[in-house]
N, C-alpha and C. Protein backbone atom coordinates (compact mmCIF):
# COMPACT_ATOMS: atom_id res chain seq x y z
N MET A 1 124.31 125.48 26.71
CA MET A 1 124.22 126.78 27.36
C MET A 1 122.77 127.24 27.29
N MET A 2 122.17 127.53 28.40
CA MET A 2 120.78 127.96 28.43
C MET A 2 120.71 129.49 28.42
N ALA A 3 119.48 130.02 28.36
CA ALA A 3 119.27 131.44 28.18
C ALA A 3 119.93 132.28 29.26
N GLY A 4 119.82 131.89 30.51
CA GLY A 4 120.44 132.65 31.58
C GLY A 4 121.95 132.74 31.43
N GLU A 5 122.56 131.63 30.97
CA GLU A 5 124.01 131.63 30.74
C GLU A 5 124.37 132.55 29.59
N LEU A 6 123.53 132.60 28.55
CA LEU A 6 123.80 133.49 27.43
C LEU A 6 123.77 134.94 27.89
N GLU A 7 122.74 135.29 28.68
CA GLU A 7 122.61 136.66 29.15
C GLU A 7 123.76 137.03 30.06
N SER A 8 124.17 136.10 30.94
CA SER A 8 125.26 136.41 31.86
C SER A 8 126.60 136.48 31.13
N ALA A 9 126.68 135.89 29.94
CA ALA A 9 127.90 135.95 29.15
C ALA A 9 127.96 137.25 28.34
N GLY A 10 126.99 138.14 28.55
CA GLY A 10 127.00 139.43 27.87
C GLY A 10 126.49 139.37 26.44
N ARG A 11 125.74 138.34 26.10
CA ARG A 11 125.20 138.21 24.75
C ARG A 11 123.73 138.62 24.75
N SER A 12 123.35 139.46 23.80
CA SER A 12 121.96 139.88 23.66
C SER A 12 121.50 139.59 22.24
N PHE A 13 120.26 139.11 22.13
CA PHE A 13 119.72 138.68 20.84
C PHE A 13 118.39 139.35 20.57
N GLY A 14 118.12 139.60 19.29
CA GLY A 14 116.87 140.19 18.88
C GLY A 14 116.44 139.60 17.55
N CYS A 15 115.31 140.10 17.04
CA CYS A 15 114.77 139.59 15.79
C CYS A 15 114.07 140.73 15.06
N VAL A 16 114.23 140.77 13.74
CA VAL A 16 113.51 141.75 12.92
C VAL A 16 112.62 141.01 11.94
N PHE A 17 111.57 141.68 11.57
CA PHE A 17 110.65 141.21 10.55
C PHE A 17 111.03 141.96 9.27
N CYS A 18 111.12 141.24 8.15
CA CYS A 18 111.51 141.88 6.89
C CYS A 18 110.63 141.39 5.76
N LEU A 19 110.85 141.92 4.59
CA LEU A 19 110.10 141.49 3.42
C LEU A 19 110.44 140.04 3.09
N THR A 20 109.44 139.24 2.77
CA THR A 20 109.66 137.84 2.42
C THR A 20 110.54 137.75 1.18
N GLY A 21 111.54 136.89 1.26
CA GLY A 21 112.48 136.73 0.15
C GLY A 21 113.70 137.63 0.26
N ALA A 22 113.68 138.57 1.18
CA ALA A 22 114.79 139.51 1.33
C ALA A 22 115.57 139.26 2.62
N GLU A 23 115.48 138.06 3.17
CA GLU A 23 116.08 137.79 4.47
C GLU A 23 117.60 137.97 4.46
N HIS A 24 118.29 137.46 3.44
CA HIS A 24 119.75 137.58 3.40
C HIS A 24 120.18 139.04 3.22
N ASP A 25 119.46 139.77 2.39
CA ASP A 25 119.75 141.19 2.19
C ASP A 25 119.52 141.97 3.48
N ALA A 26 118.43 141.64 4.18
CA ALA A 26 118.13 142.31 5.45
C ALA A 26 119.24 142.05 6.46
N ALA A 27 119.72 140.81 6.55
CA ALA A 27 120.80 140.48 7.49
C ALA A 27 122.06 141.26 7.16
N ARG A 28 122.42 141.31 5.89
CA ARG A 28 123.62 142.04 5.46
C ARG A 28 123.50 143.53 5.79
N ARG A 29 122.33 144.11 5.52
CA ARG A 29 122.15 145.55 5.78
C ARG A 29 122.09 145.86 7.28
N LEU A 30 121.54 144.95 8.07
CA LEU A 30 121.54 145.16 9.52
C LEU A 30 122.96 145.23 10.06
N GLU A 31 123.80 144.28 9.62
CA GLU A 31 125.19 144.27 10.09
C GLU A 31 125.93 145.53 9.66
N ALA A 32 125.63 146.04 8.48
CA ALA A 32 126.31 147.23 7.98
C ALA A 32 125.78 148.51 8.61
N ALA A 33 124.54 148.50 9.11
CA ALA A 33 123.89 149.71 9.59
C ALA A 33 124.40 150.18 10.96
N ASP A 34 124.86 149.26 11.79
CA ASP A 34 125.23 149.63 13.16
C ASP A 34 126.32 148.71 13.66
N ASP A 35 127.41 149.28 14.16
CA ASP A 35 128.52 148.48 14.69
C ASP A 35 128.12 147.65 15.90
N ALA A 36 127.03 148.02 16.57
CA ALA A 36 126.59 147.29 17.76
C ALA A 36 125.92 145.96 17.37
N ILE A 37 125.53 145.81 16.11
CA ILE A 37 124.96 144.54 15.66
C ILE A 37 126.12 143.67 15.20
N LEU A 38 126.38 142.62 15.96
CA LEU A 38 127.55 141.79 15.75
C LEU A 38 127.36 140.77 14.64
N LYS A 39 126.16 140.21 14.54
CA LYS A 39 125.87 139.20 13.52
C LYS A 39 124.37 139.15 13.31
N ALA A 40 123.96 138.95 12.05
CA ALA A 40 122.54 138.82 11.73
C ALA A 40 122.39 137.72 10.67
N ARG A 41 121.44 136.81 10.89
CA ARG A 41 121.24 135.70 9.97
C ARG A 41 119.77 135.28 9.93
N PRO A 42 119.29 134.89 8.74
CA PRO A 42 117.99 134.21 8.68
C PRO A 42 118.18 132.74 9.08
N VAL A 43 117.09 132.04 9.33
CA VAL A 43 117.15 130.61 9.66
C VAL A 43 117.07 129.82 8.36
N SER A 44 118.13 129.06 8.06
CA SER A 44 118.19 128.26 6.83
C SER A 44 118.49 126.82 7.17
N VAL A 45 118.02 125.92 6.32
CA VAL A 45 118.33 124.50 6.43
C VAL A 45 118.89 124.02 5.10
N LEU A 46 119.68 122.96 5.15
CA LEU A 46 120.18 122.34 3.93
C LEU A 46 119.10 121.42 3.37
N LYS A 47 118.80 121.58 2.09
CA LYS A 47 117.81 120.73 1.44
C LYS A 47 118.38 120.22 0.12
N TRP A 48 117.96 119.00 -0.24
CA TRP A 48 118.36 118.44 -1.52
C TRP A 48 117.57 119.11 -2.62
N ARG A 49 118.26 119.55 -3.67
CA ARG A 49 117.63 120.14 -4.84
C ARG A 49 118.21 119.48 -6.08
N THR A 50 117.39 119.36 -7.11
CA THR A 50 117.84 118.80 -8.38
C THR A 50 117.91 119.92 -9.41
N ASP A 51 119.07 120.04 -10.06
CA ASP A 51 119.27 121.05 -11.09
C ASP A 51 119.94 120.36 -12.28
N HIS A 52 119.23 120.30 -13.40
CA HIS A 52 119.74 119.64 -14.61
C HIS A 52 120.12 118.20 -14.33
N GLY A 53 119.29 117.50 -13.55
CA GLY A 53 119.51 116.09 -13.27
C GLY A 53 120.52 115.79 -12.18
N LYS A 54 121.13 116.81 -11.60
CA LYS A 54 122.13 116.59 -10.54
C LYS A 54 121.58 117.08 -9.21
N LYS A 55 121.70 116.21 -8.19
CA LYS A 55 121.25 116.57 -6.85
C LYS A 55 122.39 117.24 -6.09
N SER A 56 122.01 118.27 -5.35
CA SER A 56 122.99 118.94 -4.51
C SER A 56 122.28 119.51 -3.28
N LEU A 57 123.04 119.72 -2.24
CA LEU A 57 122.50 120.32 -1.02
C LEU A 57 122.61 121.84 -1.14
N ARG A 58 121.50 122.52 -0.85
CA ARG A 58 121.50 123.98 -0.91
C ARG A 58 120.77 124.52 0.31
N PRO A 59 121.24 125.66 0.82
CA PRO A 59 120.52 126.27 1.95
C PRO A 59 119.21 126.90 1.46
N GLU A 60 118.19 126.78 2.31
CA GLU A 60 116.89 127.37 2.00
C GLU A 60 116.35 128.02 3.27
N VAL A 61 115.91 129.26 3.17
CA VAL A 61 115.35 129.97 4.32
C VAL A 61 114.05 129.29 4.72
N VAL A 62 113.91 128.97 6.02
CA VAL A 62 112.70 128.28 6.47
C VAL A 62 111.81 129.15 7.35
N TYR A 63 112.35 130.15 8.02
CA TYR A 63 111.52 131.11 8.76
C TYR A 63 111.44 132.36 7.91
N ARG A 64 110.52 132.33 6.97
CA ARG A 64 110.38 133.45 6.04
C ARG A 64 110.09 134.74 6.80
N SER A 65 110.73 135.81 6.37
CA SER A 65 110.52 137.18 6.86
C SER A 65 111.15 137.46 8.22
N TYR A 66 111.91 136.53 8.79
CA TYR A 66 112.53 136.78 10.10
C TYR A 66 114.04 136.68 10.00
N VAL A 67 114.71 137.61 10.67
CA VAL A 67 116.17 137.61 10.76
C VAL A 67 116.54 137.79 12.23
N PHE A 68 117.33 136.86 12.75
CA PHE A 68 117.81 136.95 14.13
C PHE A 68 119.15 137.66 14.14
N PHE A 69 119.41 138.41 15.21
CA PHE A 69 120.68 139.11 15.31
C PHE A 69 121.22 139.08 16.72
N GLU A 70 122.55 139.21 16.83
CA GLU A 70 123.22 139.39 18.11
C GLU A 70 123.74 140.81 18.14
N ALA A 71 123.54 141.48 19.25
CA ALA A 71 124.00 142.86 19.40
C ALA A 71 124.67 143.04 20.75
N SER A 72 125.48 144.06 20.86
CA SER A 72 126.09 144.34 22.17
C SER A 72 124.96 144.67 23.15
N PRO A 73 125.14 144.33 24.43
CA PRO A 73 124.04 144.52 25.40
C PRO A 73 123.55 145.96 25.52
N ASP A 74 124.39 146.92 25.20
CA ASP A 74 123.97 148.33 25.32
C ASP A 74 123.37 148.88 24.02
N PHE A 75 123.15 148.02 23.02
CA PHE A 75 122.57 148.45 21.75
C PHE A 75 121.17 149.00 21.98
N GLU A 76 120.93 150.17 21.44
CA GLU A 76 119.58 150.75 21.45
C GLU A 76 119.24 151.16 20.03
N PRO A 77 118.16 150.64 19.49
CA PRO A 77 117.79 150.99 18.12
C PRO A 77 117.49 152.48 18.01
N HIS A 78 118.01 153.07 16.97
CA HIS A 78 117.74 154.49 16.75
C HIS A 78 117.41 154.70 15.28
N GLY A 79 116.46 155.57 15.04
CA GLY A 79 116.08 155.85 13.66
C GLY A 79 115.39 154.68 12.99
N ARG A 80 115.38 154.72 11.68
CA ARG A 80 114.72 153.69 10.88
C ARG A 80 115.62 152.48 10.71
N LEU A 81 114.99 151.34 10.57
CA LEU A 81 115.72 150.13 10.21
C LEU A 81 116.06 150.21 8.73
N PRO A 82 117.19 149.62 8.33
CA PRO A 82 117.52 149.66 6.90
C PRO A 82 116.53 148.82 6.08
N ASP A 83 116.19 149.30 4.87
CA ASP A 83 115.36 148.49 3.98
C ASP A 83 116.11 147.21 3.69
N PRO A 84 115.52 146.06 3.57
CA PRO A 84 114.10 145.72 3.54
C PRO A 84 113.53 145.34 4.90
N CYS A 85 114.21 145.72 6.00
CA CYS A 85 113.69 145.43 7.34
C CYS A 85 112.44 146.27 7.57
N VAL A 86 111.44 145.66 8.15
CA VAL A 86 110.17 146.33 8.34
C VAL A 86 109.97 146.72 9.80
N ARG A 87 110.27 145.79 10.71
CA ARG A 87 109.97 146.06 12.11
C ARG A 87 110.91 145.29 13.03
N LEU A 88 111.34 145.95 14.09
CA LEU A 88 112.09 145.31 15.16
C LEU A 88 111.06 144.69 16.09
N LEU A 89 111.16 143.38 16.32
CA LEU A 89 110.18 142.72 17.18
C LEU A 89 110.45 143.08 18.63
N LYS A 90 109.41 143.42 19.34
CA LYS A 90 109.50 143.80 20.76
C LYS A 90 109.11 142.62 21.62
N THR A 91 109.77 142.48 22.76
CA THR A 91 109.50 141.34 23.64
C THR A 91 108.75 141.74 24.90
N SER A 92 108.47 143.03 25.05
CA SER A 92 107.70 143.47 26.22
C SER A 92 106.90 144.71 25.85
N GLU A 93 105.94 145.03 26.69
CA GLU A 93 105.13 146.23 26.45
C GLU A 93 105.95 147.49 26.62
N GLU A 94 107.06 147.39 27.33
CA GLU A 94 107.94 148.55 27.53
C GLU A 94 108.79 148.82 26.30
N GLY A 95 108.75 147.92 25.33
CA GLY A 95 109.46 148.14 24.08
C GLY A 95 110.84 147.52 24.01
N ASP A 96 111.18 146.61 24.95
CA ASP A 96 112.49 145.97 24.90
C ASP A 96 112.57 145.04 23.70
N TRP A 97 113.71 145.02 23.03
CA TRP A 97 113.92 144.19 21.85
C TRP A 97 114.63 142.88 22.18
N ARG A 98 115.19 142.76 23.37
CA ARG A 98 116.01 141.59 23.72
C ARG A 98 115.15 140.34 23.93
N LEU A 99 115.54 139.26 23.24
CA LEU A 99 114.87 137.99 23.44
C LEU A 99 115.27 137.42 24.79
N THR A 100 114.37 136.66 25.41
CA THR A 100 114.65 136.08 26.72
C THR A 100 114.33 134.59 26.70
N GLY A 101 114.76 133.89 27.74
CA GLY A 101 114.42 132.49 27.91
C GLY A 101 114.84 131.63 26.75
N HIS A 102 113.93 130.73 26.35
CA HIS A 102 114.23 129.79 25.26
C HIS A 102 114.41 130.50 23.92
N ASP A 103 113.75 131.65 23.73
CA ASP A 103 113.92 132.40 22.49
C ASP A 103 115.37 132.88 22.37
N ALA A 104 115.93 133.38 23.48
CA ALA A 104 117.33 133.82 23.47
C ALA A 104 118.26 132.64 23.25
N TRP A 105 117.94 131.51 23.89
CA TRP A 105 118.78 130.32 23.70
C TRP A 105 118.78 129.90 22.23
N PHE A 106 117.59 129.85 21.60
CA PHE A 106 117.49 129.45 20.20
C PHE A 106 118.28 130.42 19.31
N ALA A 107 118.09 131.72 19.51
CA ALA A 107 118.80 132.70 18.69
C ALA A 107 120.31 132.55 18.85
N GLY A 108 120.78 132.34 20.08
CA GLY A 108 122.22 132.14 20.31
C GLY A 108 122.73 130.90 19.64
N TRP A 109 121.99 129.81 19.77
CA TRP A 109 122.38 128.55 19.14
C TRP A 109 122.42 128.72 17.62
N LEU A 110 121.37 129.35 17.07
CA LEU A 110 121.28 129.55 15.63
C LEU A 110 122.45 130.38 15.11
N LEU A 111 122.75 131.47 15.79
CA LEU A 111 123.84 132.34 15.33
C LEU A 111 125.19 131.66 15.50
N ASP A 112 125.32 130.80 16.51
CA ASP A 112 126.56 130.01 16.65
C ASP A 112 126.72 129.04 15.48
N GLN A 113 125.59 128.63 14.86
CA GLN A 113 125.61 127.77 13.67
C GLN A 113 125.67 128.59 12.39
N ASP A 114 125.88 129.89 12.52
CA ASP A 114 125.92 130.83 11.38
C ASP A 114 124.59 130.86 10.63
N GLY A 115 123.49 130.58 11.34
CA GLY A 115 122.16 130.64 10.75
C GLY A 115 121.75 129.40 9.96
N LEU A 116 122.65 128.42 9.88
CA LEU A 116 122.39 127.25 9.04
C LEU A 116 122.21 125.99 9.89
N ILE A 117 121.05 125.38 9.76
CA ILE A 117 120.78 124.11 10.42
C ILE A 117 121.14 123.02 9.43
N GLY A 118 122.23 122.33 9.68
CA GLY A 118 122.74 121.34 8.74
C GLY A 118 122.02 120.01 8.85
N LEU A 119 122.44 119.07 8.02
CA LEU A 119 121.88 117.73 8.07
C LEU A 119 122.32 117.03 9.35
N SER A 120 121.43 116.24 9.89
CA SER A 120 121.77 115.42 11.05
C SER A 120 122.42 114.13 10.58
N GLU A 121 123.31 113.62 11.38
CA GLU A 121 123.88 112.30 11.13
C GLU A 121 123.26 111.35 12.13
N ALA A 122 122.92 110.16 11.66
CA ALA A 122 122.30 109.17 12.54
C ALA A 122 122.91 107.81 12.27
N ARG A 123 122.76 106.93 13.24
CA ARG A 123 123.19 105.55 13.04
C ARG A 123 122.09 104.64 13.54
N ARG A 124 122.07 103.45 12.98
CA ARG A 124 121.04 102.48 13.32
C ARG A 124 121.52 101.63 14.49
N ILE A 125 120.64 101.47 15.47
CA ILE A 125 120.90 100.60 16.61
C ILE A 125 119.69 99.67 16.69
N GLY A 126 119.85 98.44 16.18
CA GLY A 126 118.72 97.52 16.10
C GLY A 126 117.67 98.08 15.16
N ASP A 127 116.44 98.25 15.66
CA ASP A 127 115.39 98.81 14.81
C ASP A 127 115.17 100.29 15.10
N ARG A 128 116.09 100.91 15.81
CA ARG A 128 115.98 102.33 16.16
C ARG A 128 117.05 103.14 15.43
N ILE A 129 116.84 104.43 15.34
CA ILE A 129 117.79 105.37 14.77
C ILE A 129 118.22 106.30 15.90
N GLN A 130 119.53 106.47 16.08
CA GLN A 130 120.05 107.41 17.08
C GLN A 130 120.73 108.55 16.33
N ILE A 131 120.32 109.76 16.61
CA ILE A 131 120.86 110.93 15.93
C ILE A 131 122.18 111.31 16.60
N GLN A 132 123.24 111.39 15.79
CA GLN A 132 124.59 111.62 16.30
C GLN A 132 125.01 113.09 16.29
N SER A 133 124.42 113.89 15.39
CA SER A 133 124.80 115.30 15.31
C SER A 133 123.61 116.11 14.81
N GLY A 134 123.73 117.41 14.90
CA GLY A 134 122.66 118.30 14.45
C GLY A 134 121.76 118.72 15.60
N PRO A 135 120.68 119.43 15.29
CA PRO A 135 119.81 119.97 16.34
C PRO A 135 119.08 118.93 17.16
N LEU A 136 118.95 117.70 16.65
CA LEU A 136 118.24 116.65 17.38
C LEU A 136 119.21 115.64 18.00
N LYS A 137 120.45 116.05 18.17
CA LYS A 137 121.50 115.16 18.68
C LYS A 137 121.05 114.43 19.95
N ASP A 138 121.43 113.16 20.02
CA ASP A 138 121.17 112.27 21.16
C ASP A 138 119.73 111.79 21.26
N MET A 139 118.88 112.16 20.32
CA MET A 139 117.51 111.64 20.33
C MET A 139 117.48 110.33 19.56
N GLU A 140 116.51 109.49 19.92
CA GLU A 140 116.32 108.21 19.23
C GLU A 140 114.90 108.12 18.72
N GLY A 141 114.74 107.39 17.63
CA GLY A 141 113.42 107.20 17.06
C GLY A 141 113.43 106.06 16.07
N CYS A 142 112.32 105.91 15.37
CA CYS A 142 112.24 104.86 14.35
C CYS A 142 111.76 105.49 13.04
N ILE A 143 112.22 104.91 11.92
CA ILE A 143 111.85 105.42 10.60
C ILE A 143 110.41 105.01 10.30
N VAL A 144 109.59 105.99 9.90
CA VAL A 144 108.19 105.76 9.57
C VAL A 144 108.01 105.69 8.06
N ARG A 145 108.63 106.63 7.33
CA ARG A 145 108.51 106.70 5.87
C ARG A 145 109.86 107.04 5.27
N LEU A 146 110.02 106.69 4.01
CA LEU A 146 111.25 106.96 3.29
C LEU A 146 110.91 107.60 1.96
N ASP A 147 111.51 108.75 1.66
CA ASP A 147 111.34 109.42 0.37
C ASP A 147 112.67 109.31 -0.36
N ALA A 148 112.76 108.30 -1.24
CA ALA A 148 114.02 108.02 -1.92
C ALA A 148 114.45 109.16 -2.83
N ARG A 149 113.51 109.73 -3.56
CA ARG A 149 113.88 110.80 -4.49
C ARG A 149 114.33 112.05 -3.76
N GLY A 150 113.67 112.38 -2.66
CA GLY A 150 114.03 113.57 -1.90
C GLY A 150 115.15 113.33 -0.90
N ARG A 151 115.59 112.07 -0.82
CA ARG A 151 116.64 111.67 0.13
C ARG A 151 116.32 112.16 1.54
N SER A 152 115.12 111.85 1.97
CA SER A 152 114.73 112.18 3.33
C SER A 152 113.88 111.05 3.89
N CYS A 153 113.80 111.00 5.21
CA CYS A 153 112.96 110.00 5.86
C CYS A 153 112.23 110.66 7.02
N GLN A 154 111.05 110.13 7.29
CA GLN A 154 110.28 110.61 8.42
C GLN A 154 110.62 109.73 9.61
N VAL A 155 111.00 110.36 10.71
CA VAL A 155 111.41 109.64 11.91
C VAL A 155 110.48 110.02 13.05
N LYS A 156 109.99 109.00 13.78
CA LYS A 156 109.14 109.24 14.94
C LYS A 156 110.03 109.32 16.17
N LEU A 157 109.94 110.46 16.89
CA LEU A 157 110.76 110.71 18.08
C LEU A 157 109.86 110.97 19.28
N GLU A 158 110.38 110.68 20.45
CA GLU A 158 109.72 111.06 21.70
C GLU A 158 110.43 112.30 22.23
N VAL A 159 109.70 113.42 22.34
CA VAL A 159 110.28 114.67 22.80
C VAL A 159 109.43 115.20 23.95
N ASN A 160 110.02 115.29 25.13
CA ASN A 160 109.32 115.78 26.31
C ASN A 160 108.00 115.05 26.53
N GLY A 161 108.00 113.74 26.36
CA GLY A 161 106.80 112.93 26.59
C GLY A 161 105.79 112.96 25.46
N ARG A 162 106.11 113.64 24.36
CA ARG A 162 105.21 113.73 23.21
C ARG A 162 105.84 113.03 22.01
N THR A 163 105.00 112.41 21.20
CA THR A 163 105.48 111.79 19.97
C THR A 163 105.50 112.85 18.88
N LEU A 164 106.63 112.93 18.20
CA LEU A 164 106.82 113.94 17.17
C LEU A 164 107.39 113.26 15.94
N CYS A 165 106.81 113.52 14.77
CA CYS A 165 107.35 112.98 13.52
C CYS A 165 108.04 114.11 12.77
N VAL A 166 109.30 113.92 12.43
CA VAL A 166 110.08 114.93 11.71
C VAL A 166 110.70 114.31 10.47
N TRP A 167 110.90 115.14 9.45
CA TRP A 167 111.57 114.69 8.22
C TRP A 167 113.04 115.06 8.34
N LEU A 168 113.91 114.11 8.07
CA LEU A 168 115.35 114.32 8.11
C LEU A 168 115.95 113.94 6.76
N GLY A 169 116.82 114.79 6.26
CA GLY A 169 117.55 114.45 5.04
C GLY A 169 118.65 113.47 5.37
N PHE A 170 119.02 112.66 4.39
CA PHE A 170 120.11 111.71 4.63
C PHE A 170 120.94 111.55 3.37
N GLU A 171 122.14 111.08 3.56
CA GLU A 171 123.05 110.76 2.48
C GLU A 171 123.57 109.36 2.73
N LEU A 172 123.48 108.50 1.73
CA LEU A 172 123.98 107.14 1.87
C LEU A 172 125.47 107.14 1.50
N ILE A 173 126.30 106.83 2.47
CA ILE A 173 127.73 106.95 2.28
C ILE A 173 128.35 105.67 1.75
N ASP A 174 127.92 104.53 2.25
CA ASP A 174 128.54 103.28 1.81
C ASP A 174 127.50 102.18 1.65
N ASP A 175 127.92 101.09 1.04
CA ASP A 175 127.00 99.98 0.79
C ASP A 175 126.52 99.33 2.08
N GLY A 176 127.25 99.49 3.17
CA GLY A 176 126.86 98.90 4.44
C GLY A 176 125.82 99.70 5.19
N ASN A 177 125.45 100.86 4.66
CA ASN A 177 124.47 101.70 5.33
C ASN A 177 123.13 100.97 5.39
N PRO A 178 122.52 100.86 6.58
CA PRO A 178 121.26 100.11 6.71
C PRO A 178 120.10 100.74 5.95
N LEU A 179 120.19 102.00 5.58
CA LEU A 179 119.10 102.62 4.83
C LEU A 179 119.19 102.29 3.34
N ARG A 180 120.37 101.86 2.86
CA ARG A 180 120.54 101.61 1.43
C ARG A 180 119.56 100.56 0.92
N LYS A 181 119.39 99.47 1.67
CA LYS A 181 118.48 98.41 1.22
C LYS A 181 117.05 98.95 1.13
N ALA A 182 116.61 99.69 2.14
CA ALA A 182 115.26 100.27 2.12
C ALA A 182 115.12 101.25 0.96
N LEU A 183 116.16 102.05 0.70
CA LEU A 183 116.12 103.00 -0.40
C LEU A 183 116.03 102.28 -1.74
N GLU A 184 116.84 101.26 -1.92
CA GLU A 184 116.82 100.51 -3.18
C GLU A 184 115.46 99.84 -3.39
N GLN A 185 114.86 99.31 -2.32
CA GLN A 185 113.53 98.70 -2.44
C GLN A 185 112.49 99.76 -2.81
N SER A 186 112.61 100.94 -2.21
CA SER A 186 111.67 102.02 -2.49
C SER A 186 111.82 102.49 -3.93
N GLU A 187 113.05 102.64 -4.42
CA GLU A 187 113.28 103.07 -5.81
C GLU A 187 112.75 102.02 -6.77
N HIS A 188 112.98 100.76 -6.46
CA HIS A 188 112.51 99.66 -7.33
C HIS A 188 110.98 99.67 -7.40
N ALA A 189 110.32 99.86 -6.26
CA ALA A 189 108.84 99.87 -6.22
C ALA A 189 108.29 101.07 -7.00
N SER A 190 108.96 102.24 -6.94
CA SER A 190 108.45 103.42 -7.64
C SER A 190 108.68 103.32 -9.15
N ASP A 191 109.64 102.49 -9.59
CA ASP A 191 109.89 102.31 -11.02
C ASP A 191 108.84 101.42 -11.67
N GLN A 192 108.13 100.62 -10.88
CA GLN A 192 107.17 99.68 -11.43
C GLN A 192 105.82 100.31 -11.64
């Protein structure tokens, strides 16, 4: 669904700037402050973290100080924003708060994901990696680097005619996984 389809579906999106580190509190207070705000979320990704020797996936805010929200199309901000929100971002000189174009599409997609960009799933096809799910779905690339401890790999992708290198987290599910051998070799080399 592209931005025009979102707007025609009666969905309106905006963004507030808040104190760094207070993104979740800002989202909660925005939702509580006005019934016209339907949902508010910061942008978070799942990252591997180690706590007392155990690895686990935890959400981490990646767009610090920004919270995206969906509001009814007739929403008009009135009065002060709730603390810790600092400023409602404006998209025009006339003071409109509604995101448009690709910004509206991204905000809609993000809020449909509940603000959380999860891990992508990929499968190996020959010497290429094809992403099966997540924000990079249907893209193909090749592994450039492997970080065994962080359980992530750098993948080179072609996006709109440009080469882009991105880091993707991964989980090795079974012994037949083609990344397992590379991971084991990398762990063995780092132990020496």
